[in-house]
């Protein structure tokens, strides 16, 4: 098909000016330069079937980079908003869990035990995901363990990096200081739950995860911003290394 046939006007069909348009097309294909018509209709059709305009729209085709950057910026913005929404959803979901436990159990001590137990079960399963995603090696002492917990684990799952302080002289005990605890956003403890350790789930998670790498630890909250303290402090103490119980004759 001759290339000149692409010059069919976008209106097409049997419009009132169809015959004149057809005559213009024949003269343009024959190379008749006497026509006073400007072949604007010869521009390629758009993806939706209409004519692509000249001028600023045509020039826009030369700048896809700006469109791409705008799209990337919007996607990055959506990613940040999504993370924020996920964090808030997690916080609210955890709050609903604690509220339900307070309804199910008569006193705060029982709620604290249940939160620790739930956290332990989470930690036992979470350690496999953590090791796979972080690619950290075996820790040689408790100080290395503290660094991995604060700088990798908390950052990965809660988006915060606690500071490590108050080491014992023997190097078997330290504190994690949480300037910002995402679990307590939007939370205020009522007066009748003064003994509730609201974030006790974290202690269970740490205890269960470390037990899976053969470390028995004692974990507890010693300060809590929900109870008026300036910071949230988790105290961790190394108890013993758990040895593998292999059958007799196997090493």
C-alpha atoms as a PDB file:
ATOM      1  CA  UNK A   1       0.000   0.000   0.000  1.00  0.00           C
ATOM      2  CA  UNK A   2       1.499   3.424  -0.938  1.00  0.00           C
ATOM      3  CA  UNK A   3       2.700   5.381   2.058  1.00  0.00           C
ATOM      4  CA  UNK A   4       0.667   8.393   0.982  1.00  0.00           C
ATOM      5  CA  UNK A   5      -2.547   6.543   1.857  1.00  0.00           C
ATOM      6  CA  UNK A   6      -1.845   7.143   5.543  1.00  0.00           C
ATOM      7  CA  UNK A   7      -2.957  10.714   4.919  1.00  0.00           C
ATOM      8  CA  UNK A   8      -6.639   9.821   5.356  1.00  0.00           C
ATOM      9  CA  UNK A   9      -8.247  12.578   7.453  1.00  0.00           C
ATOM     10  CA  UNK A  10      -9.006  11.562  11.024  1.00  0.00           C
ATOM     11  CA  UNK A  11     -12.684  12.283  10.598  1.00  0.00           C
ATOM     12  CA  UNK A  12     -12.943   9.648   7.831  1.00  0.00           C
ATOM     13  CA  UNK A  13     -16.259   8.177   6.788  1.00  0.00           C
ATOM     14  CA  UNK A  14     -18.926  10.031   4.844  1.00  0.00           C
ATOM     15  CA  UNK A  15     -18.637  13.473   6.347  1.00  0.00           C
ATOM     16  CA  UNK A  16     -20.043  16.456   4.386  1.00  0.00           C
ATOM     17  CA  UNK A  17     -16.516  17.385   3.331  1.00  0.00           C
ATOM     18  CA  UNK A  18     -15.577  13.827   2.451  1.00  0.00           C
ATOM     19  CA  UNK A  19     -15.363  14.381  -1.321  1.00  0.00           C
ATOM     20  CA  UNK A  20     -13.208  17.464  -0.917  1.00  0.00           C
ATOM     21  CA  UNK A  21     -10.975  15.597   1.451  1.00  0.00           C
ATOM     22  CA  UNK A  22     -10.719  12.695  -0.983  1.00  0.00           C
ATOM     23  CA  UNK A  23      -9.756  15.114  -3.784  1.00  0.00           C
ATOM     24  CA  UNK A  24      -7.099  16.635  -1.542  1.00  0.00           C
ATOM     25  CA  UNK A  25      -5.736  13.193  -0.787  1.00  0.00           C
ATOM     26  CA  UNK A  26      -5.418  12.306  -4.485  1.00  0.00           C
ATOM     27  CA  UNK A  27      -3.629  15.556  -5.275  1.00  0.00           C
ATOM     28  CA  UNK A  28      -1.256  15.076  -2.319  1.00  0.00           C
ATOM     29  CA  UNK A  29      -0.420  11.493  -3.335  1.00  0.00           C
ATOM     30  CA  UNK A  30       0.263  12.635  -6.948  1.00  0.00           C
ATOM     31  CA  UNK A  31       2.589  15.300  -5.642  1.00  0.00           C
ATOM     32  CA  UNK A  32       0.326  18.152  -6.744  1.00  0.00           C
ATOM     33  CA  UNK A  33       1.810  21.090  -4.869  1.00  0.00           C
ATOM     34  CA  UNK A  34      -0.883  23.483  -6.090  1.00  0.00           C
ATOM     35  CA  UNK A  35      -3.161  22.512  -3.217  1.00  0.00           C
ATOM     36  CA  UNK A  36      -3.495  25.197  -0.580  1.00  0.00           C
ATOM     37  CA  UNK A  37      -4.352  22.618   2.073  1.00  0.00           C
ATOM     38  CA  UNK A  38      -1.735  22.003   4.757  1.00  0.00           C
ATOM     39  CA  UNK A  39      -1.430  18.244   5.277  1.00  0.00           C
ATOM     40  CA  UNK A  40      -2.007  18.367   9.022  1.00  0.00           C
ATOM     41  CA  UNK A  41      -4.152  15.248   8.762  1.00  0.00           C
ATOM     42  CA  UNK A  42      -1.066  13.320   7.655  1.00  0.00           C
ATOM     43  CA  UNK A  43       0.195  13.170  11.272  1.00  0.00           C
ATOM     44  CA  UNK A  44       0.065   9.657  12.766  1.00  0.00           C
ATOM     45  CA  UNK A  45      -2.951   8.620  14.734  1.00  0.00           C
ATOM     46  CA  UNK A  46      -2.833   8.391  18.492  1.00  0.00           C
ATOM     47  CA  UNK A  47      -3.247   5.139  20.381  1.00  0.00           C
ATOM     48  CA  UNK A  48      -6.902   5.928  20.984  1.00  0.00           C
ATOM     49  CA  UNK A  49      -7.647   6.378  17.307  1.00  0.00           C
ATOM     50  CA  UNK A  50      -7.692  10.185  17.246  1.00  0.00           C
ATOM     51  CA  UNK A  51      -5.234  12.595  15.605  1.00  0.00           C
ATOM     52  CA  UNK A  52      -2.023  13.412  17.455  1.00  0.00           C
ATOM     53  CA  UNK A  53      -1.747  17.178  17.683  1.00  0.00           C
ATOM     54  CA  UNK A  54       1.328  19.147  16.762  1.00  0.00           C
ATOM     55  CA  UNK A  55       2.920  21.772  18.955  1.00  0.00           C
ATOM     56  CA  UNK A  56       3.316  21.257  22.686  1.00  0.00           C
ATOM     57  CA  UNK A  57       1.818  17.754  22.659  1.00  0.00           C
ATOM     58  CA  UNK A  58       4.219  16.626  19.992  1.00  0.00           C
ATOM     59  CA  UNK A  59       7.131  18.117  21.890  1.00  0.00           C
ATOM     60  CA  UNK A  60       5.988  16.223  24.931  1.00  0.00           C
ATOM     61  CA  UNK A  61       6.977  13.011  23.210  1.00  0.00           C
ATOM     62  CA  UNK A  62      10.619  14.097  23.426  1.00  0.00           C
ATOM     63  CA  UNK A  63      10.538  14.228  27.206  1.00  0.00           C
ATOM     64  CA  UNK A  64       9.581  10.792  28.593  1.00  0.00           C
ATOM     65  CA  UNK A  65      12.226  11.135  31.280  1.00  0.00           C
ATOM     66  CA  UNK A  66      10.155  13.698  33.146  1.00  0.00           C
ATOM     67  CA  UNK A  67       7.126  11.451  33.011  1.00  0.00           C
ATOM     68  CA  UNK A  68       9.216   8.516  34.225  1.00  0.00           C
ATOM     69  CA  UNK A  69      10.666  10.515  37.115  1.00  0.00           C
ATOM     70  CA  UNK A  70       7.212  11.680  38.084  1.00  0.00           C
ATOM     71  CA  UNK A  71       5.958   8.107  38.047  1.00  0.00           C
ATOM     72  CA  UNK A  72       8.932   6.926  40.128  1.00  0.00           C
ATOM     73  CA  UNK A  73       8.352   9.759  42.597  1.00  0.00           C
ATOM     74  CA  UNK A  74       4.690   8.824  42.958  1.00  0.00           C
ATOM     75  CA  UNK A  75       5.613   5.154  43.439  1.00  0.00           C
ATOM     76  CA  UNK A  76       8.184   6.054  46.100  1.00  0.00           C
ATOM     77  CA  UNK A  77       5.589   8.201  47.827  1.00  0.00           C
ATOM     78  CA  UNK A  78       3.100   5.353  47.759  1.00  0.00           C
ATOM     79  CA  UNK A  79       5.758   3.015  49.206  1.00  0.00           C
ATOM     80  CA  UNK A  80       6.408   5.379  52.123  1.00  0.00           C
ATOM     81  CA  UNK A  81       2.694   5.807  52.746  1.00  0.00           C
ATOM     82  CA  UNK A  82       2.208   2.040  52.572  1.00  0.00           C
ATOM     83  CA  UNK A  83       4.920   1.436  55.180  1.00  0.00           C
ATOM     84  CA  UNK A  84       3.409   4.065  57.447  1.00  0.00           C
ATOM     85  CA  UNK A  85      -0.046   2.534  57.074  1.00  0.00           C
ATOM     86  CA  UNK A  86       1.336  -0.956  57.760  1.00  0.00           C
ATOM     87  CA  UNK A  87       3.076   0.296  60.908  1.00  0.00           C
ATOM     88  CA  UNK A  88      -0.066   2.005  62.161  1.00  0.00           C
ATOM     89  CA  UNK A  89      -2.167  -1.052  61.346  1.00  0.00           C
ATOM     90  CA  UNK A  90       0.244  -3.273  63.290  1.00  0.00           C
ATOM     91  CA  UNK A  91       0.135  -0.893  66.261  1.00  0.00           C
ATOM     92  CA  UNK A  92      -3.665  -0.798  66.285  1.00  0.00           C
ATOM     93  CA  UNK A  93      -3.922  -4.576  65.840  1.00  0.00           C
ATOM     94  CA  UNK A  94      -1.567  -5.162  68.761  1.00  0.00           C
ATOM     95  CA  UNK A  95      -3.625  -2.753  70.847  1.00  0.00           C
ATOM     96  CA  UNK A  96      -6.770  -4.738  70.055  1.00  0.00           C
ATOM     97  CA  UNK A  97      -4.982  -7.936  71.117  1.00  0.00           C
ATOM     98  CA  UNK A  98      -3.944  -6.491  74.480  1.00  0.00           C
ATOM     99  CA  UNK A  99      -7.445  -5.096  75.026  1.00  0.00           C
ATOM    100  CA  UNK A 100      -8.985  -8.509  74.409  1.00  0.00           C
ATOM    101  CA  UNK A 101      -6.536 -10.201  76.771  1.00  0.00           C
ATOM    102  CA  UNK A 102      -7.435  -7.690  79.484  1.00  0.00           C
ATOM    103  CA  UNK A 103     -11.073  -8.696  79.027  1.00  0.00           C
ATOM    104  CA  UNK A 104     -10.271 -12.423  79.079  1.00  0.00           C
ATOM    105  CA  UNK A 105      -8.048 -12.459  82.185  1.00  0.00           C
ATOM    106  CA  UNK A 106      -8.796 -11.137  85.638  1.00  0.00           C
ATOM    107  CA  UNK A 107      -5.475  -9.492  86.491  1.00  0.00           C
ATOM    108  CA  UNK A 108      -2.540  -7.854  84.767  1.00  0.00           C
ATOM    109  CA  UNK A 109      -0.067 -10.562  85.771  1.00  0.00           C
ATOM    110  CA  UNK A 110      -1.966 -13.149  83.762  1.00  0.00           C
ATOM    111  CA  UNK A 111      -2.071 -10.801  80.762  1.00  0.00           C
ATOM    112  CA  UNK A 112       1.686 -10.244  81.071  1.00  0.00           C
ATOM    113  CA  UNK A 113       2.290 -13.993  81.063  1.00  0.00           C
ATOM    114  CA  UNK A 114       0.117 -14.488  78.001  1.00  0.00           C
ATOM    115  CA  UNK A 115       1.906 -11.703  76.098  1.00  0.00           C
ATOM    116  CA  UNK A 116       5.264 -13.252  76.963  1.00  0.00           C
ATOM    117  CA  UNK A 117       4.058 -16.680  75.868  1.00  0.00           C
ATOM    118  CA  UNK A 118       2.727 -15.333  72.560  1.00  0.00           C
ATOM    119  CA  UNK A 119       5.959 -13.476  71.975  1.00  0.00           C
ATOM    120  CA  UNK A 120       7.988 -16.609  72.704  1.00  0.00           C
ATOM    121  CA  UNK A 121       6.039 -18.586  70.095  1.00  0.00           C
ATOM    122  CA  UNK A 122       6.571 -15.793  67.574  1.00  0.00           C
ATOM    123  CA  UNK A 123      10.300 -15.627  68.303  1.00  0.00           C
ATOM    124  CA  UNK A 124      10.748 -19.372  67.872  1.00  0.00           C
ATOM    125  CA  UNK A 125       9.407 -19.071  64.324  1.00  0.00           C
ATOM    126  CA  UNK A 126      10.752 -15.625  63.510  1.00  0.00           C
ATOM    127  CA  UNK A 127      14.409 -16.523  63.962  1.00  0.00           C
ATOM    128  CA  UNK A 128      14.459 -18.567  60.753  1.00  0.00           C
ATOM    129  CA  UNK A 129      13.150 -15.638  58.731  1.00  0.00           C
ATOM    130  CA  UNK A 130      15.609 -13.291  60.421  1.00  0.00           C
ATOM    131  CA  UNK A 131      18.641 -15.460  59.675  1.00  0.00           C
ATOM    132  CA  UNK A 132      17.588 -15.905  56.060  1.00  0.00           C
ATOM    133  CA  UNK A 133      17.038 -12.187  55.447  1.00  0.00           C
ATOM    134  CA  UNK A 134      19.926 -10.741  57.448  1.00  0.00           C
ATOM    135  CA  UNK A 135      22.682 -13.223  56.509  1.00  0.00           C
ATOM    136  CA  UNK A 136      24.345 -12.678  59.895  1.00  0.00           C
ATOM    137  CA  UNK A 137      26.819 -15.266  61.083  1.00  0.00           C
ATOM    138  CA  UNK A 138      27.177 -16.929  64.469  1.00  0.00           C
ATOM    139  CA  UNK A 139      27.850 -14.509  67.319  1.00  0.00           C
ATOM    140  CA  UNK A 140      30.968 -15.285  69.339  1.00  0.00           C
ATOM    141  CA  UNK A 141      29.913 -13.534  72.541  1.00  0.00           C
ATOM    142  CA  UNK A 142      27.014 -11.753  74.169  1.00  0.00           C
ATOM    143  CA  UNK A 143      28.230  -8.326  73.013  1.00  0.00           C
ATOM    144  CA  UNK A 144      27.978  -9.366  69.381  1.00  0.00           C
ATOM    145  CA  UNK A 145      24.514 -10.729  70.103  1.00  0.00           C
ATOM    146  CA  UNK A 146      23.486  -7.372  71.560  1.00  0.00           C
ATOM    147  CA  UNK A 147      24.708  -5.538  68.440  1.00  0.00           C
ATOM    148  CA  UNK A 148      22.765  -7.846  66.122  1.00  0.00           C
ATOM    149  CA  UNK A 149      19.589  -7.502  68.185  1.00  0.00           C
ATOM    150  CA  UNK A 150      19.700  -3.698  68.365  1.00  0.00           C
ATOM    151  CA  UNK A 151      21.162  -2.757  64.992  1.00  0.00           C
ATOM    152  CA  UNK A 152      19.694  -5.454  62.764  1.00  0.00           C
ATOM    153  CA  UNK A 153      16.679  -7.197  64.309  1.00  0.00           C
ATOM    154  CA  UNK A 154      14.893  -4.167  65.783  1.00  0.00           C
ATOM    155  CA  UNK A 155      15.646  -2.147  62.657  1.00  0.00           C
ATOM    156  CA  UNK A 156      14.334  -4.894  60.384  1.00  0.00           C
ATOM    157  CA  UNK A 157      11.056  -5.590  62.150  1.00  0.00           C
ATOM    158  CA  UNK A 158      10.180  -2.401  64.053  1.00  0.00           C
ATOM    159  CA  UNK A 159      12.104   0.254  62.152  1.00  0.00           C
ATOM    160  CA  UNK A 160      13.988   1.496  65.237  1.00  0.00           C
ATOM    161  CA  UNK A 161      17.541   1.125  66.545  1.00  0.00           C
ATOM    162  CA  UNK A 162      17.736   0.932  70.353  1.00  0.00           C
ATOM    163  CA  UNK A 163      20.902   2.019  72.082  1.00  0.00           C
ATOM    164  CA  UNK A 164      22.894  -0.543  74.062  1.00  0.00           C
ATOM    165  CA  UNK A 165      23.974   0.551  77.537  1.00  0.00           C
ATOM    166  CA  UNK A 166      24.450  -0.411  81.200  1.00  0.00           C
ATOM    167  CA  UNK A 167      26.676  -3.429  80.633  1.00  0.00           C
ATOM    168  CA  UNK A 168      27.388  -5.471  83.727  1.00  0.00           C
ATOM    169  CA  UNK A 169      31.060  -5.907  84.761  1.00  0.00           C
ATOM    170  CA  UNK A 170      30.890  -9.571  83.747  1.00  0.00           C
ATOM    171  CA  UNK A 171      29.548  -8.670  80.296  1.00  0.00           C
ATOM    172  CA  UNK A 172      26.538 -10.941  80.673  1.00  0.00           C
ATOM    173  CA  UNK A 173      23.842  -8.303  81.089  1.00  0.00           C
ATOM    174  CA  UNK A 174      22.880  -5.112  79.247  1.00  0.00           C
ATOM    175  CA  UNK A 175      19.997  -2.760  78.566  1.00  0.00           C
ATOM    176  CA  UNK A 176      18.242  -1.804  75.348  1.00  0.00           C
ATOM    177  CA  UNK A 177      17.022   1.790  75.476  1.00  0.00           C
ATOM    178  CA  UNK A 178      14.066   2.503  73.180  1.00  0.00           C
ATOM    179  CA  UNK A 179      13.658   6.222  72.611  1.00  0.00           C
ATOM    180  CA  UNK A 180      10.569   5.426  70.558  1.00  0.00           C
ATOM    181  CA  UNK A 181       8.504   2.278  71.011  1.00  0.00           C
ATOM    182  CA  UNK A 182       6.148   1.914  67.999  1.00  0.00           C
ATOM    183  CA  UNK A 183       3.910  -0.485  69.937  1.00  0.00           C
ATOM    184  CA  UNK A 184       2.746   2.255  72.298  1.00  0.00           C
ATOM    185  CA  UNK A 185       1.719   4.839  69.718  1.00  0.00           C
ATOM    186  CA  UNK A 186      -1.846   6.054  70.442  1.00  0.00           C
ATOM    187  CA  UNK A 187      -1.786   4.175  73.816  1.00  0.00           C
ATOM    188  CA  UNK A 188      -2.563   5.402  77.306  1.00  0.00           C
ATOM    189  CA  UNK A 189      -2.831   2.972  80.212  1.00  0.00           C
ATOM    190  CA  UNK A 190      -5.939   3.313  82.409  1.00  0.00           C
ATOM    191  CA  UNK A 191      -5.422   3.599  86.159  1.00  0.00           C
ATOM    192  CA  UNK A 192      -6.815   0.128  86.830  1.00  0.00           C
ATOM    193  CA  UNK A 193      -4.056  -1.501  84.740  1.00  0.00           C
ATOM    194  CA  UNK A 194      -1.002  -0.024  86.414  1.00  0.00           C
ATOM    195  CA  UNK A 195       0.698  -3.452  86.574  1.00  0.00           C
ATOM    196  CA  UNK A 196       0.251  -4.205  82.888  1.00  0.00           C
ATOM    197  CA  UNK A 197       3.469  -4.585  80.897  1.00  0.00           C
ATOM    198  CA  UNK A 198       1.924  -3.490  77.643  1.00  0.00           C
ATOM    199  CA  UNK A 199       4.833  -4.394  75.331  1.00  0.00           C
ATOM    200  CA  UNK A 200       5.750  -7.637  77.105  1.00  0.00           C
ATOM    201  CA  UNK A 201       5.365  -9.445  73.770  1.00  0.00           C
ATOM    202  CA  UNK A 202       8.832  -8.121  72.836  1.00  0.00           C
ATOM    203  CA  UNK A 203      10.436  -9.901  75.789  1.00  0.00           C
ATOM    204  CA  UNK A 204       8.930 -13.183  74.685  1.00  0.00           C
ATOM    205  CA  UNK A 205      10.066 -12.663  71.076  1.00  0.00           C
ATOM    206  CA  UNK A 206      13.670 -12.065  72.169  1.00  0.00           C
ATOM    207  CA  UNK A 207      13.642 -15.012  74.544  1.00  0.00           C
ATOM    208  CA  UNK A 208      12.174 -17.434  71.995  1.00  0.00           C
ATOM    209  CA  UNK A 209      14.434 -16.329  69.132  1.00  0.00           C
ATOM    210  CA  UNK A 210      17.632 -16.592  71.185  1.00  0.00           C
ATOM    211  CA  UNK A 211      16.640 -19.987  72.525  1.00  0.00           C
ATOM    212  CA  UNK A 212      16.595 -21.268  68.946  1.00  0.00           C
ATOM    213  CA  UNK A 213      20.269 -20.262  68.618  1.00  0.00           C
ATOM    214  CA  UNK A 214      21.133 -22.031  71.875  1.00  0.00           C
ATOM    215  CA  UNK A 215      21.022 -19.031  74.206  1.00  0.00           C
ATOM    216  CA  UNK A 216      18.938 -18.984  77.351  1.00  0.00           C
ATOM    217  CA  UNK A 217      18.268 -15.385  78.408  1.00  0.00           C
ATOM    218  CA  UNK A 218      16.171 -13.520  80.903  1.00  0.00           C
ATOM    219  CA  UNK A 219      14.351 -10.524  79.391  1.00  0.00           C
ATOM    220  CA  UNK A 220      12.234  -7.962  81.214  1.00  0.00           C
ATOM    221  CA  UNK A 221      11.088  -4.347  81.120  1.00  0.00           C
ATOM    222  CA  UNK A 222      12.609  -2.117  83.810  1.00  0.00           C
ATOM    223  CA  UNK A 223      11.346   1.229  82.470  1.00  0.00           C
ATOM    224  CA  UNK A 224       8.298   2.116  80.385  1.00  0.00           C
ATOM    225  CA  UNK A 225       7.189   5.465  78.994  1.00  0.00           C
ATOM    226  CA  UNK A 226       3.583   4.365  79.442  1.00  0.00           C
ATOM    227  CA  UNK A 227       4.207   4.424  83.192  1.00  0.00           C
ATOM    228  CA  UNK A 228       5.784   7.844  83.234  1.00  0.00           C
ATOM    229  CA  UNK A 229       9.425   6.898  82.676  1.00  0.00           C
ATOM    230  CA  UNK A 230      11.536   9.006  80.350  1.00  0.00           C
ATOM    231  CA  UNK A 231      12.527   6.041  78.146  1.00  0.00           C
ATOM    232  CA  UNK A 232      11.599   2.423  77.605  1.00  0.00           C
ATOM    233  CA  UNK A 233      14.301   0.043  78.855  1.00  0.00           C
ATOM    234  CA  UNK A 234      14.532  -3.702  78.259  1.00  0.00           C
ATOM    235  CA  UNK A 235      17.019  -5.553  80.442  1.00  0.00           C
ATOM    236  CA  UNK A 236      18.608  -8.696  78.978  1.00  0.00           C
ATOM    237  CA  UNK A 237      20.682 -11.174  80.964  1.00  0.00           C
ATOM    238  CA  UNK A 238      22.564 -14.172  79.602  1.00  0.00           C
ATOM    239  CA  UNK A 239      21.674 -17.271  81.620  1.00  0.00           C
ATOM    240  CA  UNK A 240      23.406 -20.175  79.891  1.00  0.00           C
ATOM    241  CA  UNK A 241      24.277 -21.704  76.569  1.00  0.00           C
ATOM    242  CA  UNK A 242      21.918 -24.501  75.604  1.00  0.00           C
ATOM    243  CA  UNK A 243      23.782 -27.619  74.532  1.00  0.00           C
ATOM    244  CA  UNK A 244      22.459 -29.972  71.854  1.00  0.00           C
ATOM    245  CA  UNK A 245      21.035 -33.112  73.368  1.00  0.00           C
ATOM    246  CA  UNK A 246      22.358 -35.695  70.935  1.00  0.00           C
ATOM    247  CA  UNK A 247      21.678 -39.421  71.338  1.00  0.00           C
ATOM    248  CA  UNK A 248      24.400 -41.461  72.994  1.00  0.00           C
ATOM    249  CA  UNK A 249      27.237 -42.296  70.633  1.00  0.00           C
ATOM    250  CA  UNK A 250      26.558 -39.366  68.286  1.00  0.00           C
ATOM    251  CA  UNK A 251      28.544 -36.147  68.090  1.00  0.00           C
END
